[in-house]
Amino acid sequence: MKKKSNVIGKAACMVLAMTIICGVLYTIAVTGISQLFFHDKANGSVIEMVESKVYEKLDE
């Protein structure tokens, strides 16, 4: 029975580690790199609706 709980504990640690690596660190790294190199485009574009028509804000 100890073997089963040992495996479950290791699996839980791996899930936690991969969540931190893939969900937090990777997201921060990609956002930081995009802000550094593409700071004018990294935040997306603004879309406005005027009289039921959609307009995208272009570079000024």
C-alpha atoms as a PDB file:
ATOM      1  CA  MET A   1       0.000   0.000   0.000  1.00  0.00           C
ATOM      2  CA  LYS A   2       2.959   2.304   0.600  1.00  0.00           C
ATOM      3  CA  LYS A   3       3.957   1.980  -3.038  1.00  0.00           C
ATOM      4  CA  LYS A   4       0.582   3.238  -4.252  1.00  0.00           C
ATOM      5  CA  SER A   5       0.627   6.316  -2.004  1.00  0.00           C
ATOM      6  CA  ASN A   6       4.227   6.986  -3.025  1.00  0.00           C
ATOM      7  CA  VAL A   7       3.239   7.033  -6.691  1.00  0.00           C
ATOM      8  CA  ILE A   8       0.234   9.291  -5.994  1.00  0.00           C
ATOM      9  CA  GLY A   9       2.467  11.722  -4.081  1.00  0.00           C
ATOM     10  CA  LYS A  10       5.013  11.852  -6.905  1.00  0.00           C
ATOM     11  CA  ALA A  11       2.253  12.327  -9.471  1.00  0.00           C
ATOM     12  CA  ALA A  12       0.754  15.193  -7.459  1.00  0.00           C
ATOM     13  CA  CYS A  13       4.169  16.863  -7.257  1.00  0.00           C
ATOM     14  CA  MET A  14       4.628  16.525 -11.007  1.00  0.00           C
ATOM     15  CA  VAL A  15       1.193  17.988 -11.708  1.00  0.00           C
ATOM     16  CA  LEU A  16       1.998  20.941  -9.457  1.00  0.00           C
ATOM     17  CA  ALA A  17       5.444  21.428 -11.020  1.00  0.00           C
ATOM     18  CA  MET A  18       4.131  21.276 -14.590  1.00  0.00           C
ATOM     19  CA  THR A  19       1.275  23.645 -13.737  1.00  0.00           C
ATOM     20  CA  ILE A  20       3.757  26.186 -12.427  1.00  0.00           C
ATOM     21  CA  ILE A  21       6.158  25.734 -15.356  1.00  0.00           C
ATOM     22  CA  CYS A  22       3.596  25.675 -18.175  1.00  0.00           C
ATOM     23  CA  GLY A  23       0.858  27.808 -16.691  1.00  0.00           C
ATOM     24  CA  VAL A  24       2.832  30.529 -14.924  1.00  0.00           C
ATOM     25  CA  LEU A  25       6.481  30.700 -15.973  1.00  0.00           C
ATOM     26  CA  TYR A  26       5.879  30.116 -19.694  1.00  0.00           C
ATOM     27  CA  THR A  27       3.069  32.680 -19.768  1.00  0.00           C
ATOM     28  CA  ILE A  28       5.201  35.306 -18.028  1.00  0.00           C
ATOM     29  CA  ALA A  29       8.162  34.596 -20.344  1.00  0.00           C
ATOM     30  CA  VAL A  30       6.125  34.845 -23.557  1.00  0.00           C
ATOM     31  CA  THR A  31       4.346  38.004 -22.395  1.00  0.00           C
ATOM     32  CA  GLY A  32       7.629  39.599 -21.340  1.00  0.00           C
ATOM     33  CA  ILE A  33       9.362  38.770 -24.621  1.00  0.00           C
ATOM     34  CA  SER A  34       6.439  40.074 -26.680  1.00  0.00           C
ATOM     35  CA  GLN A  35       6.328  43.294 -24.644  1.00  0.00           C
ATOM     36  CA  LEU A  36      10.086  43.713 -25.079  1.00  0.00           C
ATOM     37  CA  PHE A  37      10.297  43.155 -28.832  1.00  0.00           C
ATOM     38  CA  PHE A  38       6.781  44.057 -30.019  1.00  0.00           C
ATOM     39  CA  HIS A  39       5.658  46.597 -27.418  1.00  0.00           C
ATOM     40  CA  ASP A  40       3.457  48.458 -29.912  1.00  0.00           C
ATOM     41  CA  LYS A  41       1.539  45.345 -30.957  1.00  0.00           C
ATOM     42  CA  ALA A  42       1.723  43.081 -27.894  1.00  0.00           C
ATOM     43  CA  ASN A  43      -1.450  44.404 -26.264  1.00  0.00           C
ATOM     44  CA  GLY A  44      -3.667  43.691 -29.249  1.00  0.00           C
ATOM     45  CA  SER A  45      -5.891  46.133 -31.066  1.00  0.00           C
ATOM     46  CA  VAL A  46      -8.943  48.040 -29.990  1.00  0.00           C
ATOM     47  CA  ILE A  47     -12.204  47.176 -31.729  1.00  0.00           C
ATOM     48  CA  GLU A  48     -15.029  49.692 -31.547  1.00  0.00           C
ATOM     49  CA  MET A  49     -18.644  49.355 -32.628  1.00  0.00           C
ATOM     50  CA  VAL A  50     -20.262  52.417 -34.178  1.00  0.00           C
ATOM     51  CA  GLU A  51     -23.827  52.124 -35.415  1.00  0.00           C
ATOM     52  CA  SER A  52     -23.623  48.306 -35.555  1.00  0.00           C
ATOM     53  CA  LYS A  53     -20.410  48.385 -37.620  1.00  0.00           C
ATOM     54  CA  VAL A  54     -17.147  47.028 -36.271  1.00  0.00           C
ATOM     55  CA  TYR A  55     -14.010  49.130 -36.676  1.00  0.00           C
ATOM     56  CA  GLU A  56     -10.524  48.083 -35.735  1.00  0.00           C
ATOM     57  CA  LYS A  57      -8.128  50.743 -34.524  1.00  0.00           C
ATOM     58  CA  LEU A  58      -5.212  50.897 -36.942  1.00  0.00           C
ATOM     59  CA  ASP A  59      -1.678  52.066 -36.215  1.00  0.00           C
ATOM     60  CA  GLU A  60      -1.461  55.793 -36.048  1.00  0.00           C
END
